[in-house]
C-alpha atoms as a PDB file:
ATOM      1  CA  MET A   1       3.094  16.240  37.272  1.00  0.00           C
ATOM      2  CA  ASN A   2       0.562  16.899  34.523  1.00  0.00           C
ATOM      3  CA  TYR A   3       3.311  16.467  31.941  1.00  0.00           C
ATOM      4  CA  LEU A   4       3.935  12.919  33.112  1.00  0.00           C
ATOM      5  CA  LEU A   5       0.301  12.068  32.510  1.00  0.00           C
ATOM      6  CA  LEU A   6       0.104  13.694  29.089  1.00  0.00           C
ATOM      7  CA  LEU A   7       3.285  12.146  27.712  1.00  0.00           C
ATOM      8  CA  PRO A   8       1.993   8.529  27.505  1.00  0.00           C
ATOM      9  CA  VAL A   9      -1.302   9.733  26.005  1.00  0.00           C
ATOM     10  CA  PHE A  10       0.613  11.640  23.332  1.00  0.00           C
ATOM     11  CA  PHE A  11       2.652   8.560  22.380  1.00  0.00           C
ATOM     12  CA  VAL A  12      -0.435   6.365  22.202  1.00  0.00           C
ATOM     13  CA  LEU A  13      -2.152   8.815  19.860  1.00  0.00           C
ATOM     14  CA  ILE A  14       0.789   9.335  17.507  1.00  0.00           C
ATOM     15  CA  THR A  15       1.737   5.660  16.996  1.00  0.00           C
ATOM     16  CA  PRO A  16      -1.296   4.630  14.840  1.00  0.00           C
ATOM     17  CA  SER A  17      -0.886   7.627  12.543  1.00  0.00           C
ATOM     18  CA  GLU A  18       2.748   6.680  11.940  1.00  0.00           C
ATOM     19  CA  ALA A  19       1.723   3.124  11.057  1.00  0.00           C
ATOM     20  CA  VAL A  20      -0.876   4.356   8.560  1.00  0.00           C
ATOM     21  CA  THR A  21       1.573   6.587   6.709  1.00  0.00           C
ATOM     22  CA  THR A  22       4.158   3.801   6.563  1.00  0.00           C
ATOM     23  CA  ARG A  23       1.628   1.350   5.105  1.00  0.00           C
ATOM     24  CA  MET A  24       0.383   3.918   2.593  1.00  0.00           C
ATOM     25  CA  PHE A  25       3.945   4.605   1.478  1.00  0.00           C
ATOM     26  CA  LYS A  26       4.553   0.892   0.933  1.00  0.00           C
ATOM     27  CA  VAL A  27       1.388   0.566  -1.144  1.00  0.00           C
ATOM     28  CA  LEU A  28       2.201   3.595  -3.299  1.00  0.00           C
ATOM     29  CA  ASP A  29       5.806   2.466  -3.702  1.00  0.00           C
ATOM     30  CA  THR A  30       4.794  -1.043  -4.764  1.00  0.00           C
ATOM     31  CA  CYS A  31       2.205   0.290  -7.232  1.00  0.00           C
ATOM     32  CA  ALA A  32       4.758   2.689  -8.699  1.00  0.00           C
ATOM     33  CA  ARG A  33       7.344  -0.072  -9.074  1.00  0.00           C
ATOM     34  CA  TYR A  34       4.718  -2.239 -10.779  1.00  0.00           C
ATOM     35  CA  ARG A  35       3.867   0.574 -13.198  1.00  0.00           C
ATOM     36  CA  LEU A  36       7.562   1.033 -13.990  1.00  0.00           C
ATOM     37  CA  LYS A  37       7.804  -2.716 -14.659  1.00  0.00           C
ATOM     38  CA  GLU A  38      10.285  -3.216 -11.812  1.00  0.00           C
ATOM     39  CA  LYS A  39       7.925  -5.807 -10.320  1.00  0.00           C
ATOM     40  CA  THR A  40       5.645  -8.338 -11.908  1.00  0.00           C
ATOM     41  CA  ALA A  41       1.981  -8.472 -10.988  1.00  0.00           C
ATOM     42  CA  LEU A  42       2.383 -11.618  -8.888  1.00  0.00           C
ATOM     43  CA  VAL A  43       5.328 -10.143  -6.958  1.00  0.00           C
ATOM     44  CA  ALA A  44       3.410  -6.903  -6.330  1.00  0.00           C
ATOM     45  CA  ILE A  45       0.423  -8.857  -5.017  1.00  0.00           C
ATOM     46  CA  LYS A  46       2.711 -10.818  -2.720  1.00  0.00           C
ATOM     47  CA  ASP A  47       4.453  -7.644  -1.474  1.00  0.00           C
ATOM     48  CA  LEU A  48       1.109  -5.978  -0.750  1.00  0.00           C
ATOM     49  CA  LYS A  49      -0.072  -9.119   1.090  1.00  0.00           C
ATOM     50  CA  LEU A  50      -3.301  -9.249  -0.882  1.00  0.00           C
ATOM     51  CA  LYS A  51      -5.498 -12.332  -0.990  1.00  0.00           C
ATOM     52  CA  TYR A  52      -5.214 -13.701  -4.507  1.00  0.00           C
ATOM     53  CA  GLU A  53      -5.816 -17.361  -5.310  1.00  0.00           C
ATOM     54  CA  GLY A  54      -5.183 -17.306  -9.058  1.00  0.00           C
ATOM     55  CA  LYS A  55      -1.989 -18.388 -10.751  1.00  0.00           C
ATOM     56  CA  GLU A  56      -2.308 -16.780 -14.191  1.00  0.00           C
ATOM     57  CA  GLU A  57      -0.245 -13.666 -14.879  1.00  0.00           C
ATOM     58  CA  SER A  58      -2.980 -12.005 -16.978  1.00  0.00           C
ATOM     59  CA  GLU A  59      -5.526 -12.280 -14.166  1.00  0.00           C
ATOM     60  CA  ALA A  60      -2.947 -11.028 -11.672  1.00  0.00           C
ATOM     61  CA  GLU A  61      -2.242  -7.999 -13.866  1.00  0.00           C
ATOM     62  CA  LEU A  62      -5.929  -7.086 -13.953  1.00  0.00           C
ATOM     63  CA  PHE A  63      -6.219  -7.598 -10.184  1.00  0.00           C
ATOM     64  CA  ILE A  64      -3.237  -5.377  -9.312  1.00  0.00           C
ATOM     65  CA  LYS A  65      -4.247  -2.823 -11.953  1.00  0.00           C
ATOM     66  CA  LEU A  66      -7.652  -2.392 -10.312  1.00  0.00           C
ATOM     67  CA  TYR A  67      -6.121  -2.308  -6.836  1.00  0.00           C
ATOM     68  CA  CYS A  68      -3.541   0.354  -7.719  1.00  0.00           C
ATOM     69  CA  SER A  69      -6.089   2.459  -9.610  1.00  0.00           C
ATOM     70  CA  VAL A  70      -7.803   3.159  -6.280  1.00  0.00           C
ATOM     71  CA  PHE A  71      -4.708   5.033  -5.140  1.00  0.00           C
ATOM     72  CA  THR A  72      -4.408   7.130  -8.312  1.00  0.00           C
ATOM     73  CA  PRO A  73      -8.024   8.087  -9.063  1.00  0.00           C
ATOM     74  CA  ASN A  74      -7.224  11.405 -10.784  1.00  0.00           C
ATOM     75  CA  GLU A  75      -4.638   9.991 -13.171  1.00  0.00           C
ATOM     76  CA  ASN A  76      -5.426   8.323 -16.448  1.00  0.00           C
ATOM     77  CA  VAL A  77      -2.550   5.899 -16.239  1.00  0.00           C
ATOM     78  CA  ASP A  78      -2.532   2.829 -18.426  1.00  0.00           C
ATOM     79  CA  PHE A  79      -0.571   0.139 -16.660  1.00  0.00           C
END
């Protein structure tokens, strides 16, 4: 009987952690594809669902460069 009570609690606790790792993977994947020039800055911003009002590619590159640098703080990567 105790197992029936613990099972729903276990599923409720594990679901948010799965969502966080999936989102983090998508962010790291998009930043890596941007660095490898598989995506443009505007496409990467759109894929990451970031709020960006500008239209210029140079401003978008700076914006995504700063955003992705948060996820690679120990690397000296020039985008």
